[in-house]
N, C-alpha and C. Protein backbone atom coordinates (compact mmCIF):
# COMPACT_ATOMS: atom_id res chain seq x y z
N MET A 1 6.62 -169.89 -156.97
CA MET A 1 5.92 -171.10 -156.19
C MET A 1 6.52 -172.35 -156.88
N ARG A 2 6.82 -173.38 -156.03
CA ARG A 2 7.32 -174.52 -156.48
C ARG A 2 6.59 -175.61 -155.86
N PHE A 3 6.28 -176.74 -156.64
CA PHE A 3 5.67 -177.98 -156.18
C PHE A 3 6.72 -179.10 -156.25
N GLN A 4 6.85 -179.74 -155.10
CA GLN A 4 7.93 -180.74 -155.02
C GLN A 4 7.17 -182.01 -154.46
N TYR A 5 7.25 -183.08 -155.22
CA TYR A 5 6.63 -184.41 -154.77
C TYR A 5 7.83 -185.30 -154.39
N TYR A 6 7.62 -186.02 -153.34
CA TYR A 6 8.66 -186.96 -152.91
C TYR A 6 7.99 -188.32 -152.86
N PRO A 7 8.26 -189.16 -153.90
CA PRO A 7 7.47 -190.49 -153.93
C PRO A 7 7.89 -191.38 -152.92
N GLU A 8 9.09 -191.32 -152.30
CA GLU A 8 9.48 -192.16 -151.24
C GLU A 8 8.72 -191.94 -149.91
N THR A 9 8.24 -190.85 -149.79
CA THR A 9 7.38 -190.54 -148.54
C THR A 9 5.93 -190.24 -148.93
N ASP A 10 5.59 -190.17 -150.23
CA ASP A 10 4.36 -189.76 -150.89
C ASP A 10 3.85 -188.46 -150.22
N SER A 11 4.79 -187.49 -150.16
CA SER A 11 4.47 -186.24 -149.70
C SER A 11 4.68 -185.12 -150.70
N LEU A 12 3.74 -184.07 -150.66
CA LEU A 12 3.87 -182.98 -151.58
C LEU A 12 4.00 -181.74 -150.85
N TYR A 13 5.08 -181.02 -151.36
CA TYR A 13 5.40 -179.77 -150.67
C TYR A 13 5.19 -178.56 -151.66
N ILE A 14 4.46 -177.57 -151.24
CA ILE A 14 4.11 -176.51 -152.02
C ILE A 14 4.90 -175.31 -151.46
N ASP A 15 5.93 -174.93 -152.05
CA ASP A 15 6.77 -173.84 -151.61
C ASP A 15 6.36 -172.61 -152.16
N LEU A 16 5.69 -171.77 -151.27
CA LEU A 16 5.03 -170.49 -151.82
C LEU A 16 5.97 -169.34 -151.91
N THR A 17 7.07 -169.42 -151.23
CA THR A 17 8.09 -168.29 -151.44
C THR A 17 9.60 -168.94 -151.00
N GLU A 18 10.49 -168.19 -151.20
CA GLU A 18 11.90 -168.69 -150.85
C GLU A 18 12.34 -168.38 -149.43
N THR A 19 11.22 -167.82 -148.69
CA THR A 19 11.48 -167.53 -147.33
C THR A 19 11.60 -168.71 -146.43
N PRO A 20 12.57 -168.83 -145.54
CA PRO A 20 12.65 -170.11 -144.67
C PRO A 20 11.55 -170.13 -143.72
N SER A 21 11.15 -171.37 -143.39
CA SER A 21 10.14 -171.58 -142.45
C SER A 21 10.73 -171.56 -141.07
N VAL A 22 10.05 -170.88 -140.07
CA VAL A 22 10.52 -170.97 -138.72
C VAL A 22 9.47 -171.54 -137.73
N ASP A 23 8.26 -171.81 -138.30
CA ASP A 23 7.27 -172.33 -137.49
C ASP A 23 6.24 -173.21 -138.33
N SER A 24 5.70 -174.24 -137.78
CA SER A 24 4.84 -175.08 -138.53
C SER A 24 3.73 -175.48 -137.67
N ARG A 25 2.55 -175.73 -138.33
CA ARG A 25 1.30 -176.00 -137.64
C ARG A 25 0.51 -177.08 -138.40
N GLU A 26 0.18 -178.18 -137.80
CA GLU A 26 -0.67 -179.03 -138.52
C GLU A 26 -2.13 -178.67 -138.23
N VAL A 27 -2.74 -178.36 -139.46
CA VAL A 27 -4.05 -177.84 -139.54
C VAL A 27 -5.13 -178.84 -139.74
N ALA A 28 -4.67 -180.12 -140.22
CA ALA A 28 -5.57 -181.23 -140.47
C ALA A 28 -4.68 -182.45 -140.49
N PRO A 29 -5.18 -183.65 -140.25
CA PRO A 29 -4.32 -184.73 -140.22
C PRO A 29 -3.43 -184.77 -141.60
N GLY A 30 -2.10 -184.73 -141.53
CA GLY A 30 -1.26 -184.87 -142.54
C GLY A 30 -1.16 -183.60 -143.32
N VAL A 31 -1.58 -182.43 -142.86
CA VAL A 31 -1.49 -181.17 -143.63
C VAL A 31 -0.81 -180.16 -142.64
N VAL A 32 0.36 -179.77 -143.07
CA VAL A 32 1.21 -178.87 -142.20
C VAL A 32 1.48 -177.62 -142.97
N LEU A 33 1.11 -176.50 -142.34
CA LEU A 33 1.43 -175.12 -142.85
C LEU A 33 2.72 -174.65 -142.21
N ASP A 34 3.57 -174.09 -143.06
CA ASP A 34 4.97 -173.60 -142.63
C ASP A 34 4.80 -171.95 -142.70
N PHE A 35 5.34 -171.41 -141.65
CA PHE A 35 5.33 -169.83 -141.54
C PHE A 35 6.71 -169.30 -141.50
N GLY A 36 6.80 -168.21 -142.03
CA GLY A 36 8.11 -167.50 -141.99
C GLY A 36 8.26 -166.58 -140.73
N LEU A 37 9.37 -166.07 -140.59
CA LEU A 37 9.63 -165.24 -139.35
C LEU A 37 8.63 -164.08 -139.11
N ASP A 38 8.04 -163.53 -140.21
CA ASP A 38 7.02 -162.50 -140.06
C ASP A 38 5.62 -162.99 -139.90
N GLY A 39 5.51 -164.34 -139.79
CA GLY A 39 4.19 -165.02 -139.59
C GLY A 39 3.41 -165.25 -140.85
N ARG A 40 4.05 -164.93 -142.01
CA ARG A 40 3.24 -165.24 -143.24
C ARG A 40 3.51 -166.80 -143.66
N LEU A 41 2.50 -167.30 -144.47
CA LEU A 41 2.58 -168.59 -144.81
C LEU A 41 3.60 -168.73 -146.00
N VAL A 42 4.47 -169.74 -145.86
CA VAL A 42 5.64 -169.89 -146.81
C VAL A 42 5.52 -171.14 -147.51
N GLY A 43 4.73 -172.24 -146.96
CA GLY A 43 4.74 -173.47 -147.56
C GLY A 43 3.59 -174.41 -147.00
N ILE A 44 3.25 -175.38 -147.66
CA ILE A 44 2.22 -176.35 -147.40
C ILE A 44 2.75 -177.82 -147.65
N ASP A 45 2.71 -178.58 -146.55
CA ASP A 45 3.19 -179.94 -146.62
C ASP A 45 1.97 -180.91 -146.59
N VAL A 46 1.77 -181.80 -147.63
CA VAL A 46 0.68 -182.72 -147.61
C VAL A 46 1.31 -184.11 -147.68
N ASP A 47 1.00 -184.74 -146.46
CA ASP A 47 1.54 -186.21 -146.26
C ASP A 47 0.51 -187.04 -146.92
N GLN A 48 0.98 -188.23 -147.47
CA GLN A 48 0.07 -189.16 -148.24
C GLN A 48 -0.65 -188.51 -149.38
N ALA A 49 0.03 -187.70 -150.05
CA ALA A 49 -0.42 -186.79 -151.01
C ALA A 49 -1.37 -187.51 -152.11
N SER A 50 -0.80 -188.70 -152.62
CA SER A 50 -1.49 -189.37 -153.62
C SER A 50 -2.88 -189.77 -153.28
N LYS A 51 -3.20 -189.83 -151.95
CA LYS A 51 -4.55 -190.19 -151.49
C LYS A 51 -5.53 -189.08 -151.56
N PHE A 52 -5.05 -187.71 -151.69
CA PHE A 52 -5.73 -186.55 -151.65
C PHE A 52 -5.73 -185.66 -152.96
N VAL A 53 -4.57 -185.83 -153.58
CA VAL A 53 -4.40 -184.95 -154.73
C VAL A 53 -4.14 -185.79 -155.88
N ASN A 54 -4.77 -185.35 -157.18
CA ASN A 54 -4.47 -185.93 -158.40
C ASN A 54 -3.12 -185.47 -158.91
N LEU A 55 -2.14 -186.27 -158.69
CA LEU A 55 -0.72 -185.86 -159.09
C LEU A 55 -0.41 -186.05 -160.54
N THR A 56 -1.38 -186.57 -161.27
CA THR A 56 -1.13 -186.79 -162.67
C THR A 56 -1.52 -185.50 -163.57
N HIS A 57 -2.22 -184.42 -162.95
CA HIS A 57 -2.60 -183.34 -163.63
C HIS A 57 -2.30 -182.09 -162.88
N LEU A 58 -1.78 -181.08 -163.53
CA LEU A 58 -1.48 -179.84 -162.99
C LEU A 58 -2.11 -178.75 -163.85
N GLU A 59 -2.90 -177.88 -163.43
CA GLU A 59 -3.52 -176.82 -164.18
C GLU A 59 -3.47 -175.53 -163.47
N ALA A 60 -3.04 -174.44 -164.20
CA ALA A 60 -2.99 -173.07 -163.60
C ALA A 60 -3.88 -172.20 -164.55
N GLU A 61 -4.58 -171.41 -163.89
CA GLU A 61 -5.46 -170.51 -164.62
C GLU A 61 -5.46 -169.12 -164.24
N ALA A 62 -5.30 -168.13 -165.13
CA ALA A 62 -5.36 -166.68 -164.93
C ALA A 62 -4.18 -166.29 -163.89
N LEU A 63 -3.06 -166.89 -163.89
CA LEU A 63 -1.95 -166.49 -163.03
C LEU A 63 -0.95 -165.57 -163.71
N PRO A 64 -0.49 -164.51 -163.23
CA PRO A 64 0.43 -163.57 -163.89
C PRO A 64 1.84 -164.11 -163.88
N VAL A 65 2.04 -165.29 -164.46
CA VAL A 65 3.25 -166.01 -164.58
C VAL A 65 4.04 -165.41 -165.70
N ALA A 66 5.24 -165.16 -165.47
CA ALA A 66 6.19 -164.67 -166.54
C ALA A 66 7.03 -165.82 -167.08
N SER A 67 7.21 -166.77 -166.37
CA SER A 67 7.94 -167.87 -166.89
C SER A 67 7.64 -169.15 -166.01
N PHE A 68 7.82 -170.46 -166.62
CA PHE A 68 7.66 -171.59 -165.83
C PHE A 68 8.58 -172.73 -166.47
N SER A 69 8.98 -173.75 -165.77
CA SER A 69 9.72 -174.80 -166.18
C SER A 69 9.16 -176.09 -165.58
N LEU A 70 9.48 -177.23 -166.35
CA LEU A 70 9.12 -178.56 -165.83
C LEU A 70 10.46 -179.37 -166.02
N LEU A 71 10.68 -180.17 -165.04
CA LEU A 71 11.94 -180.95 -165.02
C LEU A 71 11.77 -182.15 -165.83
N ALA A 72 12.91 -182.56 -166.50
CA ALA A 72 12.85 -183.71 -167.45
C ALA A 72 12.29 -185.07 -166.70
N GLY A 73 11.57 -185.80 -167.45
CA GLY A 73 11.03 -186.98 -167.07
C GLY A 73 9.76 -186.82 -166.29
N HIS A 74 9.20 -185.56 -166.07
CA HIS A 74 8.06 -185.57 -165.31
C HIS A 74 6.85 -185.01 -166.17
N THR A 75 7.03 -185.07 -167.46
CA THR A 75 5.91 -184.64 -168.37
C THR A 75 5.90 -185.40 -169.60
N ARG A 76 4.71 -185.61 -170.15
CA ARG A 76 4.56 -186.31 -171.33
C ARG A 76 4.41 -185.28 -172.54
N THR A 77 3.31 -184.53 -172.45
CA THR A 77 2.95 -183.64 -173.40
C THR A 77 2.61 -182.32 -172.81
N LEU A 78 3.22 -181.24 -173.32
CA LEU A 78 3.11 -179.90 -172.57
C LEU A 78 2.52 -178.88 -173.72
N PRO A 79 1.30 -178.38 -173.35
CA PRO A 79 0.90 -177.23 -174.25
C PRO A 79 1.68 -175.89 -173.76
N ILE A 80 2.19 -175.31 -174.72
CA ILE A 80 2.96 -174.05 -174.51
C ILE A 80 2.18 -172.83 -174.82
N PRO A 81 1.93 -171.92 -173.77
CA PRO A 81 1.17 -170.71 -174.06
C PRO A 81 1.85 -169.95 -175.16
N GLY A 82 1.02 -169.26 -175.95
CA GLY A 82 1.60 -168.54 -177.08
C GLY A 82 2.30 -169.31 -178.14
N SER A 83 2.08 -170.57 -178.26
CA SER A 83 2.76 -171.41 -179.21
C SER A 83 1.84 -171.75 -180.32
N SER A 84 0.69 -171.07 -180.62
CA SER A 84 -0.20 -171.29 -181.65
C SER A 84 -0.79 -172.74 -181.50
N GLY A 85 -0.93 -173.28 -180.34
CA GLY A 85 -1.60 -174.47 -180.11
C GLY A 85 -0.65 -175.67 -180.39
N ARG A 86 0.59 -175.49 -180.62
CA ARG A 86 1.58 -176.52 -180.79
C ARG A 86 1.84 -177.27 -179.55
N LEU A 87 2.03 -178.54 -179.55
CA LEU A 87 2.27 -179.33 -178.44
C LEU A 87 3.83 -179.86 -178.49
N LEU A 88 4.58 -179.74 -177.56
CA LEU A 88 5.89 -180.17 -177.60
C LEU A 88 5.87 -181.59 -176.74
N HIS A 89 6.59 -182.57 -177.29
CA HIS A 89 6.50 -183.90 -176.60
C HIS A 89 7.94 -184.31 -176.61
N ASP A 90 8.69 -184.31 -175.57
CA ASP A 90 10.09 -184.83 -175.32
C ASP A 90 10.16 -185.15 -173.81
N PRO A 91 9.88 -186.38 -173.34
CA PRO A 91 9.96 -186.62 -171.96
C PRO A 91 11.31 -186.54 -171.37
N ASP A 92 12.44 -186.44 -172.25
CA ASP A 92 13.88 -186.36 -171.85
C ASP A 92 14.34 -184.90 -171.80
N ALA A 93 13.43 -183.89 -172.11
CA ALA A 93 13.86 -182.49 -172.21
C ALA A 93 13.45 -181.75 -170.96
N ASN A 94 14.08 -180.70 -170.76
CA ASN A 94 13.75 -179.63 -169.79
C ASN A 94 12.91 -178.61 -170.54
N TYR A 95 11.70 -178.33 -170.24
CA TYR A 95 10.91 -177.31 -170.86
C TYR A 95 10.92 -175.92 -170.10
N SER A 96 11.27 -174.90 -170.75
CA SER A 96 11.32 -173.57 -170.06
C SER A 96 10.64 -172.59 -171.06
N VAL A 97 9.79 -171.83 -170.52
CA VAL A 97 9.03 -170.77 -171.38
C VAL A 97 9.01 -169.46 -170.48
N SER A 98 9.12 -168.41 -171.21
CA SER A 98 9.15 -167.11 -170.62
C SER A 98 8.08 -166.28 -171.50
N SER A 99 7.36 -165.41 -170.93
CA SER A 99 6.29 -164.63 -171.65
C SER A 99 6.90 -163.88 -172.81
N ASP A 100 8.23 -163.60 -172.78
CA ASP A 100 8.79 -162.76 -173.92
C ASP A 100 9.72 -163.50 -174.83
N GLU A 101 9.68 -164.81 -174.72
CA GLU A 101 10.59 -165.62 -175.56
C GLU A 101 9.84 -166.88 -176.15
N GLU A 102 10.40 -167.34 -177.26
CA GLU A 102 9.88 -168.55 -177.82
C GLU A 102 10.00 -169.67 -176.99
N PRO A 103 9.23 -170.78 -176.96
CA PRO A 103 9.48 -172.04 -176.13
C PRO A 103 10.65 -172.68 -176.61
N SER A 104 11.47 -173.22 -175.67
CA SER A 104 12.76 -173.89 -175.93
C SER A 104 12.74 -175.15 -175.01
N THR A 105 13.51 -176.10 -175.64
CA THR A 105 13.84 -177.35 -174.82
C THR A 105 15.44 -177.35 -174.64
N SER A 106 15.81 -177.96 -173.58
CA SER A 106 17.29 -178.12 -173.34
C SER A 106 17.65 -179.48 -172.88
């Protein structure tokens, strides 16, 4: 799953899968659901996202995530799971963590 924010249009796209979208439906003003060929939901587009979503905070709980990454310049302080409570702070670094490896920056 990938979250993509486009500041120039103030839109947030939540890409649920790598499956391409073949159909879209607006389910509420400014909220569009994208569907794949098999009819399954593949993405969610939110227009004027900053009016509806707190874009300064992202939290995930109880997800079976094996790895995650944050792009450079988009984070200030990042708690790394399994890092004994250490906080890494480098806004110019790419953070990448996998469940079976130590936290690293690149």
